[in-house]
Amino acid sequence: MWIHRPDGQERLLLGREALVLQGFPVRLVEEQLDQVTGAFQHDLAGNAMSFLVLLAVAQSADRKSTRLN
C-alpha cells in the first residue's frame, strides 16, 4: 500500500503501520517486533485476522442466531 505524504512524496506502508491498521496492539509487543524485519511484520498483518474482524464476525453470527430464535 502506498502512503501519500502531505509534502507530495510517496512511500510504502511500513510493516508496523500495517499491523496498527489491522488493530494489533503494537505497543504491547514492541520488543518482539524489533526482532523481526519490516517485511515479516507486513506479512503478519496481511495474513492474519485481527481481533476486531473476529469480533465483528462473532457479533454478526450472534445477531443472526438471535433473530432465528
N, C-alpha and C. Protein backbone atom coordinates (compact mmCIF):
# COMPACT_ATOMS: atom_id res chain seq x y z
N MET A 1 0.84 -1.15 0.00
CA MET A 1 0.00 0.00 0.00
C MET A 1 0.90 1.23 0.00
N TRP A 2 0.52 2.22 -0.76
CA TRP A 2 1.29 3.46 -0.85
C TRP A 2 0.75 4.48 0.12
N ILE A 3 1.65 5.21 0.74
CA ILE A 3 1.30 6.32 1.63
C ILE A 3 1.61 7.61 0.87
N HIS A 4 0.64 8.49 0.79
CA HIS A 4 0.84 9.79 0.16
C HIS A 4 1.04 10.82 1.26
N ARG A 5 2.24 11.37 1.33
CA ARG A 5 2.57 12.32 2.38
C ARG A 5 2.13 13.72 1.97
N PRO A 6 1.89 14.60 2.94
CA PRO A 6 1.47 15.98 2.63
C PRO A 6 2.48 16.76 1.80
N ASP A 7 3.77 16.38 1.88
CA ASP A 7 4.79 17.10 1.10
C ASP A 7 4.88 16.60 -0.34
N GLY A 8 3.97 15.69 -0.72
CA GLY A 8 3.92 15.21 -2.10
C GLY A 8 4.71 13.94 -2.35
N GLN A 9 5.51 13.51 -1.39
CA GLN A 9 6.28 12.29 -1.56
C GLN A 9 5.41 11.08 -1.26
N GLU A 10 5.80 9.95 -1.83
CA GLU A 10 5.09 8.70 -1.60
C GLU A 10 6.06 7.66 -1.07
N ARG A 11 5.52 6.73 -0.30
CA ARG A 11 6.34 5.63 0.22
C ARG A 11 5.43 4.45 0.49
N LEU A 12 6.06 3.30 0.68
CA LEU A 12 5.31 2.10 1.02
C LEU A 12 4.93 2.12 2.50
N LEU A 13 3.81 1.50 2.80
CA LEU A 13 3.36 1.34 4.18
C LEU A 13 4.35 0.45 4.92
N LEU A 14 4.77 0.87 6.11
CA LEU A 14 5.68 0.07 6.92
C LEU A 14 4.95 -1.10 7.55
N GLY A 15 5.68 -2.16 7.87
CA GLY A 15 5.08 -3.33 8.48
C GLY A 15 4.37 -3.01 9.78
N ARG A 16 4.99 -2.18 10.60
CA ARG A 16 4.39 -1.79 11.87
C ARG A 16 3.11 -1.00 11.66
N GLU A 17 3.09 -0.14 10.65
CA GLU A 17 1.88 0.64 10.33
C GLU A 17 0.76 -0.29 9.86
N ALA A 18 1.11 -1.31 9.09
CA ALA A 18 0.11 -2.26 8.62
C ALA A 18 -0.51 -3.01 9.80
N LEU A 19 0.30 -3.36 10.78
CA LEU A 19 -0.22 -4.04 11.97
C LEU A 19 -1.16 -3.12 12.75
N VAL A 20 -0.81 -1.85 12.86
CA VAL A 20 -1.67 -0.89 13.56
C VAL A 20 -3.01 -0.76 12.84
N LEU A 21 -2.98 -0.70 11.52
CA LEU A 21 -4.22 -0.58 10.75
C LEU A 21 -5.10 -1.81 10.90
N GLN A 22 -4.50 -2.96 11.19
CA GLN A 22 -5.26 -4.19 11.42
C GLN A 22 -5.82 -4.25 12.83
N GLY A 23 -5.40 -3.33 13.69
CA GLY A 23 -5.91 -3.31 15.06
C GLY A 23 -5.08 -4.09 16.05
N PHE A 24 -3.86 -4.45 15.68
CA PHE A 24 -3.00 -5.20 16.59
C PHE A 24 -2.40 -4.26 17.64
N PRO A 25 -2.25 -4.73 18.87
CA PRO A 25 -1.68 -3.90 19.94
C PRO A 25 -0.16 -3.82 19.83
N VAL A 26 0.33 -3.02 18.91
CA VAL A 26 1.76 -2.96 18.61
C VAL A 26 2.58 -2.55 19.82
N ARG A 27 2.07 -1.64 20.62
CA ARG A 27 2.85 -1.18 21.79
C ARG A 27 3.09 -2.30 22.80
N LEU A 28 2.18 -3.27 22.86
CA LEU A 28 2.35 -4.37 23.81
C LEU A 28 3.42 -5.37 23.38
N VAL A 29 3.72 -5.41 22.09
CA VAL A 29 4.67 -6.41 21.58
C VAL A 29 5.85 -5.77 20.85
N GLU A 30 6.18 -4.55 21.21
CA GLU A 30 7.25 -3.84 20.51
C GLU A 30 8.60 -4.56 20.59
N GLU A 31 8.92 -5.15 21.72
CA GLU A 31 10.20 -5.84 21.85
C GLU A 31 10.30 -7.00 20.86
N GLN A 32 9.21 -7.74 20.68
CA GLN A 32 9.21 -8.86 19.74
C GLN A 32 9.27 -8.35 18.30
N LEU A 33 8.58 -7.26 18.02
CA LEU A 33 8.59 -6.72 16.66
C LEU A 33 9.95 -6.18 16.26
N ASP A 34 10.70 -5.70 17.25
CA ASP A 34 12.04 -5.19 16.95
C ASP A 34 12.99 -6.32 16.53
N GLN A 35 12.63 -7.56 16.81
CA GLN A 35 13.50 -8.70 16.49
C GLN A 35 13.24 -9.27 15.09
N VAL A 36 12.19 -8.79 14.40
CA VAL A 36 11.88 -9.30 13.06
C VAL A 36 11.91 -8.16 12.06
N THR A 37 12.01 -8.50 10.80
CA THR A 37 12.11 -7.48 9.75
C THR A 37 10.77 -6.83 9.48
N GLY A 38 10.82 -5.67 8.83
CA GLY A 38 9.61 -4.98 8.44
C GLY A 38 8.79 -5.79 7.45
N ALA A 39 9.47 -6.54 6.59
CA ALA A 39 8.76 -7.38 5.61
C ALA A 39 7.98 -8.48 6.33
N PHE A 40 8.57 -9.06 7.37
CA PHE A 40 7.88 -10.09 8.13
C PHE A 40 6.67 -9.50 8.85
N GLN A 41 6.82 -8.30 9.40
CA GLN A 41 5.70 -7.63 10.05
C GLN A 41 4.57 -7.39 9.05
N HIS A 42 4.93 -6.99 7.85
CA HIS A 42 3.95 -6.76 6.80
C HIS A 42 3.22 -8.06 6.46
N ASP A 43 3.96 -9.15 6.39
CA ASP A 43 3.35 -10.45 6.13
C ASP A 43 2.39 -10.85 7.25
N LEU A 44 2.78 -10.59 8.48
CA LEU A 44 1.90 -10.89 9.62
C LEU A 44 0.59 -10.13 9.50
N ALA A 45 0.68 -8.87 9.15
CA ALA A 45 -0.52 -8.05 9.04
C ALA A 45 -1.40 -8.50 7.87
N GLY A 46 -0.77 -8.94 6.80
CA GLY A 46 -1.54 -9.33 5.63
C GLY A 46 -2.16 -10.71 5.72
N ASN A 47 -1.58 -11.58 6.53
CA ASN A 47 -2.04 -12.97 6.59
C ASN A 47 -2.85 -13.30 7.83
N ALA A 48 -3.08 -12.34 8.66
CA ALA A 48 -3.78 -12.61 9.92
C ALA A 48 -5.08 -11.84 9.99
N MET A 49 -6.00 -12.38 10.76
CA MET A 49 -7.23 -11.66 11.03
C MET A 49 -7.10 -11.01 12.39
N SER A 50 -7.40 -9.75 12.45
CA SER A 50 -7.29 -9.06 13.72
C SER A 50 -8.47 -9.39 14.62
N PHE A 51 -8.30 -9.07 15.87
CA PHE A 51 -9.36 -9.30 16.84
C PHE A 51 -10.64 -8.56 16.44
N LEU A 52 -10.48 -7.36 15.88
CA LEU A 52 -11.66 -6.58 15.50
C LEU A 52 -12.48 -7.28 14.42
N VAL A 53 -11.82 -7.92 13.48
CA VAL A 53 -12.53 -8.65 12.43
C VAL A 53 -13.24 -9.86 13.04
N LEU A 54 -12.55 -10.60 13.88
CA LEU A 54 -13.17 -11.76 14.52
C LEU A 54 -14.34 -11.35 15.40
N LEU A 55 -14.22 -10.22 16.09
CA LEU A 55 -15.32 -9.73 16.92
C LEU A 55 -16.53 -9.38 16.07
N ALA A 56 -16.31 -8.73 14.94
CA ALA A 56 -17.42 -8.36 14.05
C ALA A 56 -18.13 -9.60 13.51
N VAL A 57 -17.37 -10.63 13.16
CA VAL A 57 -17.97 -11.87 12.66
C VAL A 57 -18.78 -12.54 13.76
N ALA A 58 -18.23 -12.58 14.97
CA ALA A 58 -18.94 -13.20 16.09
C ALA A 58 -20.22 -12.45 16.43
N GLN A 59 -20.17 -11.12 16.42
CA GLN A 59 -21.36 -10.33 16.71
C GLN A 59 -22.42 -10.52 15.64
N SER A 60 -22.00 -10.60 14.41
CA SER A 60 -22.94 -10.82 13.31
C SER A 60 -23.62 -12.18 13.44
N ALA A 61 -22.84 -13.20 13.76
CA ALA A 61 -23.40 -14.53 13.92
C ALA A 61 -24.36 -14.57 15.10
N ASP A 62 -24.01 -13.87 16.18
CA ASP A 62 -24.87 -13.84 17.36
C ASP A 62 -26.21 -13.15 17.04
N ARG A 63 -26.15 -12.06 16.29
CA ARG A 63 -27.38 -11.35 15.93
C ARG A 63 -28.29 -12.23 15.06
N LYS A 64 -27.69 -12.94 14.13
CA LYS A 64 -28.47 -13.79 13.24
C LYS A 64 -29.11 -14.95 14.01
N SER A 65 -28.36 -15.53 14.96
CA SER A 65 -28.92 -16.64 15.72
C SER A 65 -30.02 -16.13 16.65
N THR A 66 -29.92 -14.91 17.14
CA THR A 66 -30.94 -14.34 17.99
C THR A 66 -32.22 -14.10 17.21
N ARG A 67 -32.10 -13.66 15.97
CA ARG A 67 -33.27 -13.41 15.13
C ARG A 67 -33.99 -14.72 14.77
N LEU A 68 -33.26 -15.82 14.66
CA LEU A 68 -33.86 -17.09 14.28
C LEU A 68 -34.65 -17.71 15.43
N ASN A 69 -34.32 -17.37 16.64
CA ASN A 69 -34.98 -17.96 17.81
C ASN A 69 -36.24 -17.24 18.16
